[in-house]
Each structure stands twice: as C-alpha cells, then as structure tokens.
C-alpha atoms as a PDB file:
ATOM      1  CA  MET A   1     -46.586  42.328  26.976  1.00  0.00           C
ATOM      2  CA  TYR A   2     -46.247  46.258  27.412  1.00  0.00           C
ATOM      3  CA  SER A   3     -44.673  47.442  30.539  1.00  0.00           C
ATOM      4  CA  GLU A   4     -46.629  49.569  32.899  1.00  0.00           C
ATOM      5  CA  ARG A   5     -44.134  52.060  32.362  1.00  0.00           C
ATOM      6  CA  LEU A   6     -44.350  52.109  28.407  1.00  0.00           C
ATOM      7  CA  ILE A   7     -48.483  51.617  28.928  1.00  0.00           C
ATOM      8  CA  ASP A   8     -48.570  55.025  31.334  1.00  0.00           C
ATOM      9  CA  HIS A   9     -46.659  56.998  28.647  1.00  0.00           C
ATOM     10  CA  PHE A  10     -48.817  55.592  26.035  1.00  0.00           C
ATOM     11  CA  GLN A  11     -52.002  56.197  28.035  1.00  0.00           C
ATOM     12  CA  ASN A  12     -50.526  59.781  29.440  1.00  0.00           C
ATOM     13  CA  PRO A  13     -48.027  61.256  27.016  1.00  0.00           C
ATOM     14  CA  ARG A  14     -46.073  63.812  28.374  1.00  0.00           C
ATOM     15  CA  ASN A  15     -44.480  67.088  26.503  1.00  0.00           C
ATOM     16  CA  VAL A  16     -46.958  66.512  23.336  1.00  0.00           C
ATOM     17  CA  GLY A  17     -47.065  69.362  20.509  1.00  0.00           C
ATOM     18  CA  GLU A  18     -44.569  71.877  19.103  1.00  0.00           C
ATOM     19  CA  LEU A  19     -42.097  74.618  20.397  1.00  0.00           C
ATOM     20  CA  PRO A  20     -42.016  77.427  17.940  1.00  0.00           C
ATOM     21  CA  ALA A  21     -39.068  79.117  16.781  1.00  0.00           C
ATOM     22  CA  PRO A  22     -36.139  79.618  17.528  1.00  0.00           C
ATOM     23  CA  ALA A  23     -36.992  76.148  19.053  1.00  0.00           C
ATOM     24  CA  VAL A  24     -35.003  73.800  17.133  1.00  0.00           C
ATOM     25  CA  THR A  25     -37.205  70.973  15.362  1.00  0.00           C
ATOM     26  CA  VAL A  26     -36.001  67.530  14.215  1.00  0.00           C
ATOM     27  CA  GLU A  27     -38.190  64.590  12.431  1.00  0.00           C
ATOM     28  CA  ALA A  28     -36.697  61.168  12.480  1.00  0.00           C
ATOM     29  CA  SER A  29     -38.546  58.238  10.069  1.00  0.00           C
ATOM     30  CA  ASN A  30     -38.335  54.874   9.960  1.00  0.00           C
ATOM     31  CA  PRO A  31     -39.163  53.545   6.744  1.00  0.00           C
ATOM     32  CA  ALA A  32     -39.278  50.099   6.876  1.00  0.00           C
ATOM     33  CA  CYS A  33     -42.648  50.656   9.317  1.00  0.00           C
ATOM     34  CA  GLY A  34     -43.472  54.157   8.757  1.00  0.00           C
ATOM     35  CA  ASP A  35     -43.334  55.501  12.010  1.00  0.00           C
ATOM     36  CA  ILE A  36     -42.162  59.218  12.466  1.00  0.00           C
ATOM     37  CA  LEU A  37     -40.752  60.995  15.119  1.00  0.00           C
ATOM     38  CA  ARG A  38     -40.700  64.644  15.850  1.00  0.00           C
ATOM     39  CA  ILE A  39     -39.052  66.771  18.342  1.00  0.00           C
ATOM     40  CA  SER A  40     -38.922  70.087  19.247  1.00  0.00           C
ATOM     41  CA  ALA A  41     -36.147  71.617  21.913  1.00  0.00           C
ATOM     42  CA  ARG A  42     -35.301  74.917  22.849  1.00  0.00           C
ATOM     43  CA  PHE A  43     -31.828  75.507  24.330  1.00  0.00           C
ATOM     44  CA  GLU A  44     -30.764  78.312  26.994  1.00  0.00           C
ATOM     45  CA  GLY A  45     -27.378  77.980  28.013  1.00  0.00           C
ATOM     46  CA  GLY A  46     -26.595  74.878  25.669  1.00  0.00           C
ATOM     47  CA  VAL A  47     -29.200  73.015  27.718  1.00  0.00           C
ATOM     48  CA  VAL A  48     -32.543  71.603  27.071  1.00  0.00           C
ATOM     49  CA  ALA A  49     -35.195  74.225  28.445  1.00  0.00           C
ATOM     50  CA  GLU A  50     -37.857  72.606  26.685  1.00  0.00           C
ATOM     51  CA  VAL A  51     -38.989  69.781  24.697  1.00  0.00           C
ATOM     52  CA  ARG A  52     -41.694  68.450  22.409  1.00  0.00           C
ATOM     53  CA  TYR A  53     -43.019  65.902  20.654  1.00  0.00           C
ATOM     54  CA  LYS A  54     -45.017  64.295  18.111  1.00  0.00           C
ATOM     55  CA  THR A  55     -44.975  61.304  16.728  1.00  0.00           C
ATOM     56  CA  ARG A  56     -46.579  59.036  14.481  1.00  0.00           C
ATOM     57  CA  GLY A  57     -46.562  55.415  15.078  1.00  0.00           C
ATOM     58  CA  CYS A  58     -47.464  52.314  16.920  1.00  0.00           C
ATOM     59  CA  THR A  59     -47.944  52.098  21.030  1.00  0.00           C
ATOM     60  CA  ALA A  60     -44.478  52.012  21.937  1.00  0.00           C
ATOM     61  CA  SER A  61     -43.336  54.930  19.481  1.00  0.00           C
ATOM     62  CA  ILE A  62     -45.976  56.992  21.394  1.00  0.00           C
ATOM     63  CA  ALA A  63     -44.740  55.884  24.701  1.00  0.00           C
ATOM     64  CA  ALA A  64     -41.004  56.161  23.773  1.00  0.00           C
ATOM     65  CA  GLY A  65     -41.015  59.618  22.627  1.00  0.00           C
ATOM     66  CA  SER A  66     -42.791  60.894  25.753  1.00  0.00           C
ATOM     67  CA  ALA A  67     -40.200  59.186  27.872  1.00  0.00           C
ATOM     68  CA  LEU A  68     -37.616  60.091  25.075  1.00  0.00           C
ATOM     69  CA  THR A  69     -38.689  64.231  26.093  1.00  0.00           C
ATOM     70  CA  GLU A  70     -38.816  63.333  30.210  1.00  0.00           C
ATOM     71  CA  TRP A  71     -35.113  62.275  29.369  1.00  0.00           C
ATOM     72  CA  LEU A  72     -34.333  65.336  26.888  1.00  0.00           C
ATOM     73  CA  ALA A  73     -35.083  68.256  29.702  1.00  0.00           C
ATOM     74  CA  GLY A  74     -32.058  69.556  31.786  1.00  0.00           C
ATOM     75  CA  ARG A  75     -29.839  67.615  29.480  1.00  0.00           C
ATOM     76  CA  SER A  76     -26.861  69.622  27.507  1.00  0.00           C
ATOM     77  CA  LYS A  77     -25.642  69.261  24.378  1.00  0.00           C
ATOM     78  CA  GLN A  78     -22.560  67.119  25.242  1.00  0.00           C
ATOM     79  CA  ASP A  79     -25.828  64.495  27.156  1.00  0.00           C
ATOM     80  CA  LEU A  80     -27.235  64.120  23.588  1.00  0.00           C
ATOM     81  CA  SER A  81     -24.445  63.104  22.067  1.00  0.00           C
ATOM     82  CA  GLY A  82     -23.887  60.045  24.866  1.00  0.00           C
ATOM     83  CA  PHE A  83     -27.485  58.544  23.704  1.00  0.00           C
ATOM     84  CA  ARG A  84     -27.328  55.297  23.428  1.00  0.00           C
ATOM     85  CA  PRO A  85     -30.533  53.544  21.847  1.00  0.00           C
ATOM     86  CA  THR A  86     -30.648  51.096  25.420  1.00  0.00           C
ATOM     87  CA  ILE A  87     -31.467  54.398  27.298  1.00  0.00           C
ATOM     88  CA  ILE A  88     -34.872  54.392  25.790  1.00  0.00           C
ATOM     89  CA  GLU A  89     -35.558  50.540  25.904  1.00  0.00           C
ATOM     90  CA  GLU A  90     -34.434  51.058  29.980  1.00  0.00           C
ATOM     91  CA  LEU A  91     -37.062  54.539  30.671  1.00  0.00           C
ATOM     92  CA  VAL A  92     -40.328  52.683  29.721  1.00  0.00           C
ATOM     93  CA  GLY A  93     -39.291  49.172  31.068  1.00  0.00           C
ATOM     94  CA  GLY A  94     -38.535  47.104  28.099  1.00  0.00           C
ATOM     95  CA  LEU A  95     -39.534  46.523  25.105  1.00  0.00           C
ATOM     96  CA  GLU A  96     -40.909  43.516  23.228  1.00  0.00           C
ATOM     97  CA  PRO A  97     -38.539  42.266  20.233  1.00  0.00           C
ATOM     98  CA  GLU A  98     -40.879  43.543  17.657  1.00  0.00           C
ATOM     99  CA  SER A  99     -40.991  47.045  19.185  1.00  0.00           C
ATOM    100  CA  LYS A 100     -37.491  47.460  19.369  1.00  0.00           C
ATOM    101  CA  HIS A 101     -37.291  49.691  15.977  1.00  0.00           C
ATOM    102  CA  VAL A 102     -38.024  52.814  18.157  1.00  0.00           C
ATOM    103  CA  ARG A 103     -34.682  52.522  20.041  1.00  0.00           C
ATOM    104  CA  VAL A 104     -33.184  53.220  16.848  1.00  0.00           C
ATOM    105  CA  LEU A 105     -36.153  56.301  16.086  1.00  0.00           C
ATOM    106  CA  CYS A 106     -35.656  57.995  19.038  1.00  0.00           C
ATOM    107  CA  ALA A 107     -31.558  57.573  18.726  1.00  0.00           C
ATOM    108  CA  THR A 108     -31.533  59.253  15.440  1.00  0.00           C
ATOM    109  CA  ALA A 109     -33.734  62.067  16.708  1.00  0.00           C
ATOM    110  CA  VAL A 110     -31.496  62.769  19.470  1.00  0.00           C
ATOM    111  CA  GLN A 111     -28.017  62.625  17.018  1.00  0.00           C
ATOM    112  CA  LEU A 112     -30.103  65.286  14.629  1.00  0.00           C
ATOM    113  CA  LEU A 113     -31.058  67.171  17.728  1.00  0.00           C
ATOM    114  CA  ALA A 114     -27.429  67.291  18.557  1.00  0.00           C
ATOM    115  CA  ARG A 115     -26.074  67.796  15.531  1.00  0.00           C
ATOM    116  CA  SER A 116     -28.703  70.894  14.822  1.00  0.00           C
ATOM    117  CA  ALA A 117     -27.769  72.551  17.883  1.00  0.00           C
ATOM    118  CA  SER A 118     -24.473  73.054  17.653  1.00  0.00           C
END
C-alpha cells in the first residue's frame, strides 16, 4: 500500500513540464520496466533555480519525480553529487518492494544532471 505522501505527489504532481534552453535536460530510463524520467533544471550561480519533470511510468515513478523536483530546488551542484537513492524513499514516505526501482531511476537522473551541469 502506498504512503499518503506518495499518493499526494501522484495525485498532485509538482513541477510538471520542461524548461527551455539554457536549462539542462537529462533523461534516465529503466529498461526492465520501461519507466522514463526526464528532468529539466535551470542553474543560477551553481544552484538549481528552477526544475521541471516529465515521466512515463508507474504510480511510484510519477510520485518520485514530483518529490525529486522539490528536493532539487535550491540545491547546489555539490548537493546533487551527494544524492543517494534512499532519499527518494524518504521523500515519498516509503516504497513497496516492487516500486523500489524508482530509487535507482531518480538517482540516475540526478547523477546525469550533476554531470551535465558541470
């Protein structure tokens, strides 16, 4: 059963969409389940000033993308490098065993974003 926080992010996703250039856009995918997460972030002074996401996937992937954008806002490039998959699970109030793949999807997207923003 999904947590209240996960359901809230799924039903009321935050920061949906894409940002135009010069925003950095990255895409992570999970070939096993087919989920795709695209993150667009605009940096100012080395900090995420604005962020958007689009996802194609399960309920947990949609909710995790939303929660991830809230976490990313205001974070430095150094903060992104310190991102761990368990952060997503904490942000959405836990994940069912069959949904834990979204931790890796989000972590991959953050790693790509950190590298692209350099």
